[in-house]
Amino acid sequence: MTSEQTEIWHNPRCSKSRTATAHLDETGVNYTVRRYLDDPPTADEVREVLRRLGAQPWDITRTGEQIAKDLGMADWGRTPADRDRWIEALAANPQLIQRPIVLTADGGAMVARSDDALRSLG
């Protein structure tokens, strides 16, 4: 993950993710695709994405997924002391990560699920 080129954490089975890549294509943004389910991020990469998003791990967690229910994440704390537990769970179970995440060339990042987020990409 570099800040020199836009990167999208993409799941081709997700309609929001497909919409985001189509938008990037239409607007001519040069980007790379990371199929994050096949190439899961490390805990350090999750931390970096969270830093760039200005978010906490629970903010980007798909808590409705079965694995989240199996892990009992609804009962996990959401304090600084709990942060690493969430990050480790996201790295170990990338299907829990909201998608798509776009890491912009200028060092920013966004969860590009809304039309407003997509418009800000170009």
PDB file of N, CA and C in Angstrom:
ATOM      1  N   MET A   1       0.851  -1.168   0.000  1.00  0.00           N
ATOM      2  CA  MET A   1       0.000   0.000   0.000  1.00  0.00           C
ATOM      3  C   MET A   1       0.899   1.234   0.000  1.00  0.00           C
ATOM      4  N   THR A   2       0.779   2.046  -1.034  1.00  0.00           N
ATOM      5  CA  THR A   2       1.551   3.279  -1.102  1.00  0.00           C
ATOM      6  C   THR A   2       0.601   4.450  -1.237  1.00  0.00           C
ATOM      7  N   SER A   3       1.098   5.636  -0.975  1.00  0.00           N
ATOM      8  CA  SER A   3       0.276   6.820  -1.144  1.00  0.00           C
ATOM      9  C   SER A   3       0.515   7.448  -2.513  1.00  0.00           C
ATOM     10  N   GLU A   4       1.230   6.760  -3.406  1.00  0.00           N
ATOM     11  CA  GLU A   4       1.539   7.314  -4.720  1.00  0.00           C
ATOM     12  C   GLU A   4       0.479   6.983  -5.758  1.00  0.00           C
ATOM     13  N   GLN A   5      -0.336   6.007  -5.515  1.00  0.00           N
ATOM     14  CA  GLN A   5      -1.377   5.625  -6.457  1.00  0.00           C
ATOM     15  C   GLN A   5      -2.628   5.235  -5.679  1.00  0.00           C
ATOM     16  N   THR A   6      -3.759   5.505  -6.281  1.00  0.00           N
ATOM     17  CA  THR A   6      -5.015   5.112  -5.665  1.00  0.00           C
ATOM     18  C   THR A   6      -5.128   3.594  -5.677  1.00  0.00           C
ATOM     19  N   GLU A   7      -5.638   3.053  -4.591  1.00  0.00           N
ATOM     20  CA  GLU A   7      -5.839   1.612  -4.468  1.00  0.00           C
ATOM     21  C   GLU A   7      -7.245   1.370  -3.938  1.00  0.00           C
ATOM     22  N   ILE A   8      -7.902   0.372  -4.480  1.00  0.00           N
ATOM     23  CA  ILE A   8      -9.233   0.014  -3.990  1.00  0.00           C
ATOM     24  C   ILE A   8      -9.175  -1.393  -3.424  1.00  0.00           C
ATOM     25  N   TRP A   9      -9.684  -1.542  -2.213  1.00  0.00           N
ATOM     26  CA  TRP A   9      -9.866  -2.870  -1.624  1.00  0.00           C
ATOM     27  C   TRP A   9     -11.209  -3.345  -2.129  1.00  0.00           C
ATOM     28  N   HIS A  10     -11.149  -4.319  -3.003  1.00  0.00           N
ATOM     29  CA  HIS A  10     -12.273  -4.680  -3.861  1.00  0.00           C
ATOM     30  C   HIS A  10     -12.724  -6.115  -3.634  1.00  0.00           C
ATOM     31  N   ASN A  11     -14.037  -6.284  -3.618  1.00  0.00           N
ATOM     32  CA  ASN A  11     -14.659  -7.605  -3.640  1.00  0.00           C
ATOM     33  C   ASN A  11     -15.559  -7.618  -4.868  1.00  0.00           C
ATOM     34  N   PRO A  12     -15.181  -8.341  -5.912  1.00  0.00           N
ATOM     35  CA  PRO A  12     -15.958  -8.306  -7.153  1.00  0.00           C
ATOM     36  C   PRO A  12     -17.384  -8.824  -7.012  1.00  0.00           C
ATOM     37  N   ARG A  13     -17.709  -9.526  -5.934  1.00  0.00           N
ATOM     38  CA  ARG A  13     -19.077 -10.005  -5.729  1.00  0.00           C
ATOM     39  C   ARG A  13     -19.969  -8.944  -5.092  1.00  0.00           C
ATOM     40  N   CYS A  14     -19.385  -7.837  -4.669  1.00  0.00           N
ATOM     41  CA  CYS A  14     -20.119  -6.767  -3.990  1.00  0.00           C
ATOM     42  C   CYS A  14     -20.519  -5.692  -4.990  1.00  0.00           C
ATOM     43  N   SER A  15     -21.804  -5.375  -5.039  1.00  0.00           N
ATOM     44  CA  SER A  15     -22.277  -4.370  -5.997  1.00  0.00           C
ATOM     45  C   SER A  15     -21.694  -2.991  -5.699  1.00  0.00           C
ATOM     46  N   LYS A  16     -21.544  -2.616  -4.443  1.00  0.00           N
ATOM     47  CA  LYS A  16     -20.953  -1.316  -4.108  1.00  0.00           C
ATOM     48  C   LYS A  16     -19.508  -1.246  -4.580  1.00  0.00           C
ATOM     49  N   SER A  17     -18.804  -2.346  -4.452  1.00  0.00           N
ATOM     50  CA  SER A  17     -17.419  -2.402  -4.888  1.00  0.00           C
ATOM     51  C   SER A  17     -17.330  -2.309  -6.411  1.00  0.00           C
ATOM     52  N   ARG A  18     -18.215  -2.998  -7.100  1.00  0.00           N
ATOM     53  CA  ARG A  18     -18.233  -2.927  -8.572  1.00  0.00           C
ATOM     54  C   ARG A  18     -18.593  -1.518  -9.038  1.00  0.00           C
ATOM     55  N   THR A  19     -19.525  -0.887  -8.351  1.00  0.00           N
ATOM     56  CA  THR A  19     -19.899   0.487  -8.694  1.00  0.00           C
ATOM     57  C   THR A  19     -18.709   1.424  -8.514  1.00  0.00           C
ATOM     58  N   ALA A  20     -17.950   1.246  -7.446  1.00  0.00           N
ATOM     59  CA  ALA A  20     -16.789   2.108  -7.193  1.00  0.00           C
ATOM     60  C   ALA A  20     -15.723   1.922  -8.270  1.00  0.00           C
ATOM     61  N   THR A  21     -15.434   0.687  -8.670  1.00  0.00           N
ATOM     62  CA  THR A  21     -14.427   0.501  -9.720  1.00  0.00           C
ATOM     63  C   THR A  21     -14.924   1.071 -11.045  1.00  0.00           C
ATOM     64  N   ALA A  22     -16.210   0.935 -11.329  1.00  0.00           N
ATOM     65  CA  ALA A  22     -16.776   1.517 -12.561  1.00  0.00           C
ATOM     66  C   ALA A  22     -16.629   3.038 -12.527  1.00  0.00           C
ATOM     67  N   HIS A  23     -16.873   3.646 -11.375  1.00  0.00           N
ATOM     68  CA  HIS A  23     -16.730   5.096 -11.247  1.00  0.00           C
ATOM     69  C   HIS A  23     -15.275   5.507 -11.465  1.00  0.00           C
ATOM     70  N   LEU A  24     -14.348   4.781 -10.865  1.00  0.00           N
ATOM     71  CA  LEU A  24     -12.929   5.091 -11.059  1.00  0.00           C
ATOM     72  C   LEU A  24     -12.554   4.982 -12.534  1.00  0.00           C
ATOM     73  N   ASP A  25     -13.063   3.959 -13.202  1.00  0.00           N
ATOM     74  CA  ASP A  25     -12.803   3.795 -14.632  1.00  0.00           C
ATOM     75  C   ASP A  25     -13.376   4.965 -15.434  1.00  0.00           C
ATOM     76  N   GLU A  26     -14.610   5.326 -15.137  1.00  0.00           N
ATOM     77  CA  GLU A  26     -15.296   6.395 -15.881  1.00  0.00           C
ATOM     78  C   GLU A  26     -14.626   7.750 -15.700  1.00  0.00           C
ATOM     79  N   THR A  27     -14.064   7.986 -14.542  1.00  0.00           N
ATOM     80  CA  THR A  27     -13.445   9.278 -14.267  1.00  0.00           C
ATOM     81  C   THR A  27     -11.956   9.301 -14.591  1.00  0.00           C
ATOM     82  N   GLY A  28     -11.419   8.173 -15.045  1.00  0.00           N
ATOM     83  CA  GLY A  28     -10.029   8.124 -15.467  1.00  0.00           C
ATOM     84  C   GLY A  28      -9.009   8.098 -14.352  1.00  0.00           C
ATOM     85  N   VAL A  29      -9.439   7.715 -13.159  1.00  0.00           N
ATOM     86  CA  VAL A  29      -8.504   7.609 -12.039  1.00  0.00           C
ATOM     87  C   VAL A  29      -7.621   6.388 -12.248  1.00  0.00           C
ATOM     88  N   ASN A  30      -6.317   6.595 -12.120  1.00  0.00           N
ATOM     89  CA  ASN A  30      -5.366   5.496 -12.213  1.00  0.00           C
ATOM     90  C   ASN A  30      -5.335   4.795 -10.856  1.00  0.00           C
ATOM     91  N   TYR A  31      -5.630   3.512 -10.835  1.00  0.00           N
ATOM     92  CA  TYR A  31      -5.722   2.802  -9.551  1.00  0.00           C
ATOM     93  C   TYR A  31      -5.289   1.348  -9.707  1.00  0.00           C
ATOM     94  N   THR A  32      -4.995   0.754  -8.561  1.00  0.00           N
ATOM     95  CA  THR A  32      -4.726  -0.677  -8.498  1.00  0.00           C
ATOM     96  C   THR A  32      -5.838  -1.320  -7.687  1.00  0.00           C
ATOM     97  N   VAL A  33      -6.068  -2.579  -7.965  1.00  0.00           N
ATOM     98  CA  VAL A  33      -7.098  -3.347  -7.265  1.00  0.00           C
ATOM     99  C   VAL A  33      -6.426  -4.317  -6.310  1.00  0.00           C
ATOM    100  N   ARG A  34      -6.903  -4.312  -5.105  1.00  0.00           N
ATOM    101  CA  ARG A  34      -6.486  -5.324  -4.136  1.00  0.00           C
ATOM    102  C   ARG A  34      -7.724  -6.131  -3.785  1.00  0.00           C
ATOM    103  N   ARG A  35      -7.711  -7.365  -4.188  1.00  0.00           N
ATOM    104  CA  ARG A  35      -8.808  -8.267  -3.824  1.00  0.00           C
ATOM    105  C   ARG A  35      -8.514  -8.740  -2.400  1.00  0.00           C
ATOM    106  N   TYR A  36      -8.982  -7.951  -1.466  1.00  0.00           N
ATOM    107  CA  TYR A  36      -8.567  -8.107  -0.074  1.00  0.00           C
ATOM    108  C   TYR A  36      -9.045  -9.410   0.566  1.00  0.00           C
ATOM    109  N   LEU A  37     -10.020 -10.087  -0.034  1.00  0.00           N
ATOM    110  CA  LEU A  37     -10.402 -11.395   0.499  1.00  0.00           C
ATOM    111  C   LEU A  37      -9.385 -12.456   0.107  1.00  0.00           C
ATOM    112  N   ASP A  38      -8.758 -12.274  -1.061  1.00  0.00           N
ATOM    113  CA  ASP A  38      -7.717 -13.195  -1.529  1.00  0.00           C
ATOM    114  C   ASP A  38      -6.340 -12.805  -1.009  1.00  0.00           C
ATOM    115  N   ASP A  39      -6.144 -11.525  -0.754  1.00  0.00           N
ATOM    116  CA  ASP A  39      -4.877 -10.973  -0.278  1.00  0.00           C
ATOM    117  C   ASP A  39      -5.174 -10.142   0.969  1.00  0.00           C
ATOM    118  N   PRO A  40      -5.454 -10.837   2.082  1.00  0.00           N
ATOM    119  CA  PRO A  40      -5.902 -10.127   3.284  1.00  0.00           C
ATOM    120  C   PRO A  40      -4.855  -9.146   3.809  1.00  0.00           C
ATOM    121  N   PRO A  41      -5.314  -8.030   4.353  1.00  0.00           N
ATOM    122  CA  PRO A  41      -4.386  -7.079   4.943  1.00  0.00           C
ATOM    123  C   PRO A  41      -3.834  -7.614   6.261  1.00  0.00           C
ATOM    124  N   THR A  42      -2.642  -7.163   6.573  1.00  0.00           N
ATOM    125  CA  THR A  42      -2.064  -7.465   7.884  1.00  0.00           C
ATOM    126  C   THR A  42      -2.698  -6.524   8.911  1.00  0.00           C
ATOM    127  N   ALA A  43      -2.470  -6.824  10.156  1.00  0.00           N
ATOM    128  CA  ALA A  43      -2.965  -5.933  11.218  1.00  0.00           C
ATOM    129  C   ALA A  43      -2.362  -4.541  11.058  1.00  0.00           C
ATOM    130  N   ASP A  44      -1.090  -4.455  10.680  1.00  0.00           N
ATOM    131  CA  ASP A  44      -0.467  -3.149  10.483  1.00  0.00           C
ATOM    132  C   ASP A  44      -1.098  -2.399   9.309  1.00  0.00           C
ATOM    133  N   GLU A  45      -1.471  -3.116   8.258  1.00  0.00           N
ATOM    134  CA  GLU A  45      -2.147  -2.464   7.131  1.00  0.00           C
ATOM    135  C   GLU A  45      -3.533  -1.965   7.547  1.00  0.00           C
ATOM    136  N   VAL A  46      -4.234  -2.732   8.353  1.00  0.00           N
ATOM    137  CA  VAL A  46      -5.533  -2.280   8.862  1.00  0.00           C
ATOM    138  C   VAL A  46      -5.337  -1.016   9.693  1.00  0.00           C
ATOM    139  N   ARG A  47      -4.312  -0.998  10.540  1.00  0.00           N
ATOM    140  CA  ARG A  47      -4.031   0.200  11.347  1.00  0.00           C
ATOM    141  C   ARG A  47      -3.774   1.417  10.456  1.00  0.00           C
ATOM    142  N   GLU A  48      -3.003   1.217   9.390  1.00  0.00           N
ATOM    143  CA  GLU A  48      -2.699   2.323   8.472  1.00  0.00           C
ATOM    144  C   GLU A  48      -3.958   2.816   7.774  1.00  0.00           C
ATOM    145  N   VAL A  49      -4.805   1.909   7.344  1.00  0.00           N
ATOM    146  CA  VAL A  49      -6.067   2.303   6.713  1.00  0.00           C
ATOM    147  C   VAL A  49      -6.926   3.074   7.708  1.00  0.00           C
ATOM    148  N   LEU A  50      -7.001   2.613   8.920  1.00  0.00           N
ATOM    149  CA  LEU A  50      -7.772   3.321   9.947  1.00  0.00           C
ATOM    150  C   LEU A  50      -7.209   4.712  10.187  1.00  0.00           C
ATOM    151  N   ARG A  51      -5.895   4.835  10.205  1.00  0.00           N
ATOM    152  CA  ARG A  51      -5.272   6.149  10.377  1.00  0.00           C
ATOM    153  C   ARG A  51      -5.692   7.067   9.231  1.00  0.00           C
ATOM    154  N   ARG A  52      -5.609   6.549   8.001  1.00  0.00           N
ATOM    155  CA  ARG A  52      -5.959   7.353   6.829  1.00  0.00           C
ATOM    156  C   ARG A  52      -7.448   7.693   6.788  1.00  0.00           C
ATOM    157  N   LEU A  53      -8.276   6.805   7.283  1.00  0.00           N
ATOM    158  CA  LEU A  53      -9.712   7.056   7.340  1.00  0.00           C
ATOM    159  C   LEU A  53     -10.089   7.989   8.492  1.00  0.00           C
ATOM    160  N   GLY A  54      -9.234   8.044   9.513  1.00  0.00           N
ATOM    161  CA  GLY A  54      -9.594   8.758  10.730  1.00  0.00           C
ATOM    162  C   GLY A  54     -10.713   8.030  11.460  1.00  0.00           C
ATOM    163  N   ALA A  55     -10.635   6.697  11.449  1.00  0.00           N
ATOM    164  CA  ALA A  55     -11.720   5.866  11.973  1.00  0.00           C
ATOM    165  C   ALA A  55     -11.191   4.875  13.002  1.00  0.00           C
ATOM    166  N   GLN A  56     -12.122   4.270  13.679  1.00  0.00           N
ATOM    167  CA  GLN A  56     -11.835   3.180  14.608  1.00  0.00           C
ATOM    168  C   GLN A  56     -12.202   1.866  13.915  1.00  0.00           C
ATOM    169  N   PRO A  57     -11.650   0.749  14.358  1.00  0.00           N
ATOM    170  CA  PRO A  57     -11.928  -0.517  13.673  1.00  0.00           C
ATOM    171  C   PRO A  57     -13.404  -0.892  13.673  1.00  0.00           C
ATOM    172  N   TRP A  58     -14.127  -0.573  14.736  1.00  0.00           N
ATOM    173  CA  TRP A  58     -15.552  -0.913  14.778  1.00  0.00           C
ATOM    174  C   TRP A  58     -16.349  -0.083  13.773  1.00  0.00           C
ATOM    175  N   ASP A  59     -15.772   1.045  13.328  1.00  0.00           N
ATOM    176  CA  ASP A  59     -16.450   1.878  12.333  1.00  0.00           C
ATOM    177  C   ASP A  59     -16.485   1.223  10.949  1.00  0.00           C
ATOM    178  N   ILE A  60     -15.535   0.331  10.685  1.00  0.00           N
ATOM    179  CA  ILE A  60     -15.455  -0.297   9.357  1.00  0.00           C
ATOM    180  C   ILE A  60     -15.753  -1.792   9.412  1.00  0.00           C
ATOM    181  N   THR A  61     -16.345  -2.230  10.502  1.00  0.00           N
ATOM    182  CA  THR A  61     -16.636  -3.655  10.684  1.00  0.00           C
ATOM    183  C   THR A  61     -18.063  -3.969  10.264  1.00  0.00           C
ATOM    184  N   ARG A  62     -18.207  -5.009   9.479  1.00  0.00           N
ATOM    185  CA  ARG A  62     -19.516  -5.504   9.048  1.00  0.00           C
ATOM    186  C   ARG A  62     -20.039  -6.426  10.158  1.00  0.00           C
ATOM    187  N   THR A  63     -20.659  -5.824  11.142  1.00  0.00           N
ATOM    188  CA  THR A  63     -21.061  -6.579  12.327  1.00  0.00           C
ATOM    189  C   THR A  63     -22.245  -7.506  12.071  1.00  0.00           C
ATOM    190  N   GLY A  64     -22.898  -7.364  10.931  1.00  0.00           N
ATOM    191  CA  GLY A  64     -24.006  -8.254  10.600  1.00  0.00           C
ATOM    192  C   GLY A  64     -23.572  -9.569   9.986  1.00  0.00           C
ATOM    193  N   GLU A  65     -22.295  -9.690   9.663  1.00  0.00           N
ATOM    194  CA  GLU A  65     -21.778 -10.938   9.084  1.00  0.00           C
ATOM    195  C   GLU A  65     -21.828 -12.061  10.125  1.00  0.00           C
ATOM    196  N   GLN A  66     -22.011 -13.272   9.657  1.00  0.00           N
ATOM    197  CA  GLN A  66     -22.101 -14.418  10.558  1.00  0.00           C
ATOM    198  C   GLN A  66     -20.846 -14.577  11.404  1.00  0.00           C
ATOM    199  N   ILE A  67     -19.680 -14.346  10.810  1.00  0.00           N
ATOM    200  CA  ILE A  67     -18.440 -14.497  11.584  1.00  0.00           C
ATOM    201  C   ILE A  67     -18.407 -13.501  12.747  1.00  0.00           C
ATOM    202  N   ALA A  68     -18.937 -12.292  12.540  1.00  0.00           N
ATOM    203  CA  ALA A  68     -18.994 -11.316  13.635  1.00  0.00           C
ATOM    204  C   ALA A  68     -19.903 -11.820  14.750  1.00  0.00           C
ATOM    205  N   LYS A  69     -21.006 -12.428  14.357  1.00  0.00           N
ATOM    206  CA  LYS A  69     -21.920 -12.999  15.363  1.00  0.00           C
ATOM    207  C   LYS A  69     -21.251 -14.159  16.082  1.00  0.00           C
ATOM    208  N   ASP A  70     -20.557 -15.015  15.323  1.00  0.00           N
ATOM    209  CA  ASP A  70     -19.862 -16.153  15.932  1.00  0.00           C
ATOM    210  C   ASP A  70     -18.788 -15.695  16.920  1.00  0.00           C
ATOM    211  N   LEU A  71     -18.124 -14.588  16.598  1.00  0.00           N
ATOM    212  CA  LEU A  71     -17.083 -14.060  17.478  1.00  0.00           C
ATOM    213  C   LEU A  71     -17.668 -13.288  18.666  1.00  0.00           C
ATOM    214  N   GLY A  72     -18.955 -12.982  18.605  1.00  0.00           N
ATOM    215  CA  GLY A  72     -19.589 -12.221  19.680  1.00  0.00           C
ATOM    216  C   GLY A  72     -19.204 -10.748  19.674  1.00  0.00           C
ATOM    217  N   MET A  73     -18.903 -10.213  18.491  1.00  0.00           N
ATOM    218  CA  MET A  73     -18.401  -8.842  18.395  1.00  0.00           C
ATOM    219  C   MET A  73     -19.394  -7.797  18.906  1.00  0.00           C
ATOM    220  N   ALA A  74     -20.665  -8.090  18.883  1.00  0.00           N
ATOM    221  CA  ALA A  74     -21.656  -7.137  19.387  1.00  0.00           C
ATOM    222  C   ALA A  74     -21.414  -6.811  20.861  1.00  0.00           C
ATOM    223  N   ASP A  75     -20.776  -7.721  21.573  1.00  0.00           N
ATOM    224  CA  ASP A  75     -20.512  -7.528  22.997  1.00  0.00           C
ATOM    225  C   ASP A  75     -19.109  -7.000  23.284  1.00  0.00           C
ATOM    226  N   TRP A  76     -18.293  -6.802  22.226  1.00  0.00           N
ATOM    227  CA  TRP A  76     -16.931  -6.315  22.432  1.00  0.00           C
ATOM    228  C   TRP A  76     -16.958  -4.838  22.804  1.00  0.00           C
ATOM    229  N   GLY A  77     -16.020  -4.462  23.642  1.00  0.00           N
ATOM    230  CA  GLY A  77     -15.886  -3.056  23.999  1.00  0.00           C
ATOM    231  C   GLY A  77     -15.417  -2.216  22.814  1.00  0.00           C
ATOM    232  N   ARG A  78     -15.640  -0.936  22.931  1.00  0.00           N
ATOM    233  CA  ARG A  78     -15.244   0.006  21.877  1.00  0.00           C
ATOM    234  C   ARG A  78     -14.455   1.152  22.507  1.00  0.00           C
ATOM    235  N   THR A  79     -13.391   0.744  23.170  1.00  0.00           N
ATOM    236  CA  THR A  79     -12.511   1.708  23.827  1.00  0.00           C
ATOM    237  C   THR A  79     -11.113   1.543  23.249  1.00  0.00           C
ATOM    238  N   PRO A  80     -10.220   2.491  23.527  1.00  0.00           N
ATOM    239  CA  PRO A  80      -8.840   2.334  23.049  1.00  0.00           C
ATOM    240  C   PRO A  80      -8.212   1.002  23.463  1.00  0.00           C
ATOM    241  N   ALA A  81      -8.576   0.494  24.624  1.00  0.00           N
ATOM    242  CA  ALA A  81      -8.027  -0.782  25.090  1.00  0.00           C
ATOM    243  C   ALA A  81      -8.515  -1.961  24.245  1.00  0.00           C
ATOM    244  N   ASP A  82      -9.664  -1.805  23.594  1.00  0.00           N
ATOM    245  CA  ASP A  82     -10.245  -2.877  22.782  1.00  0.00           C
ATOM    246  C   ASP A  82      -9.807  -2.817  21.315  1.00  0.00           C
ATOM    247  N   ARG A  83      -9.170  -1.754  20.919  1.00  0.00           N
ATOM    248  CA  ARG A  83      -8.862  -1.488  19.515  1.00  0.00           C
ATOM    249  C   ARG A  83      -8.077  -2.626  18.851  1.00  0.00           C
ATOM    250  N   ASP A  84      -7.026  -3.088  19.495  1.00  0.00           N
ATOM    251  CA  ASP A  84      -6.193  -4.134  18.887  1.00  0.00           C
ATOM    252  C   ASP A  84      -6.970  -5.428  18.684  1.00  0.00           C
ATOM    253  N   ARG A  85      -7.870  -5.750  19.576  1.00  0.00           N
ATOM    254  CA  ARG A  85      -8.686  -6.961  19.415  1.00  0.00           C
ATOM    255  C   ARG A  85      -9.502  -6.871  18.123  1.00  0.00           C
ATOM    256  N   TRP A  86     -10.096  -5.710  17.876  1.00  0.00           N
ATOM    257  CA  TRP A  86     -10.887  -5.494  16.656  1.00  0.00           C
ATOM    258  C   TRP A  86      -9.992  -5.569  15.415  1.00  0.00           C
ATOM    259  N   ILE A  87      -8.837  -4.919  15.484  1.00  0.00           N
ATOM    260  CA  ILE A  87      -7.915  -4.912  14.339  1.00  0.00           C
ATOM    261  C   ILE A  87      -7.466  -6.320  14.007  1.00  0.00           C
ATOM    262  N   GLU A  88      -7.117  -7.088  14.991  1.00  0.00           N
ATOM    263  CA  GLU A  88      -6.694  -8.472  14.763  1.00  0.00           C
ATOM    264  C   GLU A  88      -7.832  -9.286  14.146  1.00  0.00           C
ATOM    265  N   ALA A  89      -9.048  -9.055  14.595  1.00  0.00           N
ATOM    266  CA  ALA A  89     -10.201  -9.773  14.028  1.00  0.00           C
ATOM    267  C   ALA A  89     -10.403  -9.400  12.559  1.00  0.00           C
ATOM    268  N   LEU A  90     -10.239  -8.127  12.220  1.00  0.00           N
ATOM    269  CA  LEU A  90     -10.389  -7.698  10.823  1.00  0.00           C
ATOM    270  C   LEU A  90      -9.301  -8.307   9.943  1.00  0.00           C
ATOM    271  N   ALA A  91      -8.078  -8.342  10.444  1.00  0.00           N
ATOM    272  CA  ALA A  91      -6.984  -8.927   9.667  1.00  0.00           C
ATOM    273  C   ALA A  91      -7.188 -10.436   9.484  1.00  0.00           C
ATOM    274  N   ALA A  92      -7.682 -11.095  10.501  1.00  0.00           N
ATOM    275  CA  ALA A  92      -7.894 -12.544  10.426  1.00  0.00           C
ATOM    276  C   ALA A  92      -9.145 -12.911   9.632  1.00  0.00           C
ATOM    277  N   ASN A  93     -10.083 -11.984   9.537  1.00  0.00           N
ATOM    278  CA  ASN A  93     -11.374 -12.233   8.878  1.00  0.00           C
ATOM    279  C   ASN A  93     -11.709 -11.051   7.973  1.00  0.00           C
ATOM    280  N   PRO A  94     -11.028 -10.908   6.843  1.00  0.00           N
ATOM    281  CA  PRO A  94     -11.209  -9.704   6.026  1.00  0.00           C
ATOM    282  C   PRO A  94     -12.626  -9.505   5.498  1.00  0.00           C
ATOM    283  N   GLN A  95     -13.439 -10.557   5.506  1.00  0.00           N
ATOM    284  CA  GLN A  95     -14.833 -10.389   5.075  1.00  0.00           C
ATOM    285  C   GLN A  95     -15.598  -9.459   6.013  1.00  0.00           C
ATOM    286  N   LEU A  96     -15.033  -9.172   7.177  1.00  0.00           N
ATOM    287  CA  LEU A  96     -15.655  -8.257   8.122  1.00  0.00           C
ATOM    288  C   LEU A  96     -15.412  -6.790   7.784  1.00  0.00           C
ATOM    289  N   ILE A  97     -14.490  -6.519   6.851  1.00  0.00           N
ATOM    290  CA  ILE A  97     -14.134  -5.140   6.519  1.00  0.00           C
ATOM    291  C   ILE A  97     -15.163  -4.549   5.550  1.00  0.00           C
ATOM    292  N   GLN A  98     -15.670  -3.362   5.885  1.00  0.00           N
ATOM    293  CA  GLN A  98     -16.572  -2.654   4.978  1.00  0.00           C
ATOM    294  C   GLN A  98     -15.898  -2.492   3.622  1.00  0.00           C
ATOM    295  N   ARG A  99     -16.688  -2.487   2.591  1.00  0.00           N
ATOM    296  CA  ARG A  99     -16.139  -2.339   1.250  1.00  0.00           C
ATOM    297  C   ARG A  99     -17.033  -1.435   0.429  1.00  0.00           C
ATOM    298  N   PRO A 100     -16.416  -0.872  -0.549  1.00  0.00           N
ATOM    299  CA  PRO A 100     -14.991  -0.847  -0.873  1.00  0.00           C
ATOM    300  C   PRO A 100     -14.277   0.258  -0.090  1.00  0.00           C
ATOM    301  N   ILE A 101     -13.030   0.020   0.197  1.00  0.00           N
ATOM    302  CA  ILE A 101     -12.182   1.064   0.769  1.00  0.00           C
ATOM    303  C   ILE A 101     -11.284   1.546  -0.353  1.00  0.00           C
ATOM    304  N   VAL A 102     -11.260   2.857  -0.532  1.00  0.00           N
ATOM    305  CA  VAL A 102     -10.395   3.460  -1.537  1.00  0.00           C
ATOM    306  C   VAL A 102      -9.337   4.267  -0.808  1.00  0.00           C
ATOM    307  N   LEU A 103      -8.089   3.932  -1.098  1.00  0.00           N
ATOM    308  CA  LEU A 103      -6.936   4.648  -0.553  1.00  0.00           C
ATOM    309  C   LEU A 103      -6.463   5.581  -1.660  1.00  0.00           C
ATOM    310  N   THR A 104      -6.564   6.863  -1.435  1.00  0.00           N
ATOM    311  CA  THR A 104      -6.295   7.827  -2.490  1.00  0.00           C
ATOM    312  C   THR A 104      -4.812   8.154  -2.602  1.00  0.00           C
ATOM    313  N   ALA A 105      -4.436   8.612  -3.779  1.00  0.00           N
ATOM    314  CA  ALA A 105      -3.035   8.907  -4.072  1.00  0.00           C
ATOM    315  C   ALA A 105      -2.476  10.002  -3.168  1.00  0.00           C
ATOM    316  N   ASP A 106      -3.344  10.860  -2.645  1.00  0.00           N
ATOM    317  CA  ASP A 106      -2.882  11.955  -1.794  1.00  0.00           C
ATOM    318  C   ASP A 106      -2.739  11.554  -0.325  1.00  0.00           C
ATOM    319  N   GLY A 107      -2.919  10.270  -0.027  1.00  0.00           N
ATOM    320  CA  GLY A 107      -2.749   9.786   1.343  1.00  0.00           C
ATOM    321  C   GLY A 107      -4.035   9.681   2.128  1.00  0.00           C
ATOM    322  N   GLY A 108      -5.156  10.030   1.517  1.00  0.00           N
ATOM    323  CA  GLY A 108      -6.438   9.911   2.181  1.00  0.00           C
ATOM    324  C   GLY A 108      -7.037   8.529   1.987  1.00  0.00           C
ATOM    325  N   ALA A 109      -8.230   8.369   2.477  1.00  0.00           N
ATOM    326  CA  ALA A 109      -8.950   7.105   2.313  1.00  0.00           C
ATOM    327  C   ALA A 109     -10.422   7.357   2.561  1.00  0.00           C
ATOM    328  N   MET A 110     -11.247   6.459   2.025  1.00  0.00           N
ATOM    329  CA  MET A 110     -12.684   6.536   2.271  1.00  0.00           C
ATOM    330  C   MET A 110     -13.308   5.170   2.071  1.00  0.00           C
ATOM    331  N   VAL A 111     -14.410   4.965   2.747  1.00  0.00           N
ATOM    332  CA  VAL A 111     -15.263   3.831   2.457  1.00  0.00           C
ATOM    333  C   VAL A 111     -16.231   4.357   1.403  1.00  0.00           C
ATOM    334  N   ALA A 112     -16.066   3.892   0.179  1.00  0.00           N
ATOM    335  CA  ALA A 112     -16.765   4.474  -0.981  1.00  0.00           C
ATOM    336  C   ALA A 112     -18.084   3.759  -1.252  1.00  0.00           C
ATOM    337  N   ARG A 113     -18.989   3.822  -0.303  1.00  0.00           N
ATOM    338  CA  ARG A 113     -20.287   3.155  -0.435  1.00  0.00           C
ATOM    339  C   ARG A 113     -21.374   4.097  -0.929  1.00  0.00           C
ATOM    340  N   SER A 114     -21.195   5.392  -0.746  1.00  0.00           N
ATOM    341  CA  SER A 114     -22.245   6.343  -1.107  1.00  0.00           C
ATOM    342  C   SER A 114     -21.907   7.075  -2.392  1.00  0.00           C
ATOM    343  N   ASP A 115     -22.921   7.665  -3.008  1.00  0.00           N
ATOM    344  CA  ASP A 115     -22.715   8.465  -4.215  1.00  0.00           C
ATOM    345  C   ASP A 115     -21.828   9.666  -3.903  1.00  0.00           C
ATOM    346  N   ASP A 116     -22.008  10.283  -2.723  1.00  0.00           N
ATOM    347  CA  ASP A 116     -21.178  11.432  -2.348  1.00  0.00           C
ATOM    348  C   ASP A 116     -19.713  11.046  -2.251  1.00  0.00           C
ATOM    349  N   ALA A 117     -19.437   9.904  -1.655  1.00  0.00           N
ATOM    350  CA  ALA A 117     -18.053   9.444  -1.545  1.00  0.00           C
ATOM    351  C   ALA A 117     -17.470   9.207  -2.926  1.00  0.00           C
ATOM    352  N   LEU A 118     -18.231   8.585  -3.804  1.00  0.00           N
ATOM    353  CA  LEU A 118     -17.750   8.327  -5.156  1.00  0.00           C
ATOM    354  C   LEU A 118     -17.474   9.631  -5.905  1.00  0.00           C
ATOM    355  N   ARG A 119     -18.366  10.606  -5.762  1.00  0.00           N
ATOM    356  CA  ARG A 119     -18.165  11.887  -6.450  1.00  0.00           C
ATOM    357  C   ARG A 119     -16.874  12.563  -5.996  1.00  0.00           C
ATOM    358  N   SER A 120     -16.500  12.371  -4.756  1.00  0.00           N
ATOM    359  CA  SER A 120     -15.274  13.013  -4.260  1.00  0.00           C
ATOM    360  C   SER A 120     -14.016  12.370  -4.846  1.00  0.00           C
ATOM    361  N   LEU A 121     -14.170  11.212  -5.476  1.00  0.00           N
ATOM    362  CA  LEU A 121     -13.019  10.542  -6.082  1.00  0.00           C
ATOM    363  C   LEU A 121     -12.651  11.115  -7.446  1.00  0.00           C
ATOM    364  N   GLY A 122     -13.476  11.945  -7.993  1.00  0.00           N
ATOM    365  CA  GLY A 122     -13.161  12.513  -9.298  1.00  0.00           C
ATOM    366  C   GLY A 122     -14.346  12.545 -10.208  1.00  0.00           C
TER     367      GLY A 122
END
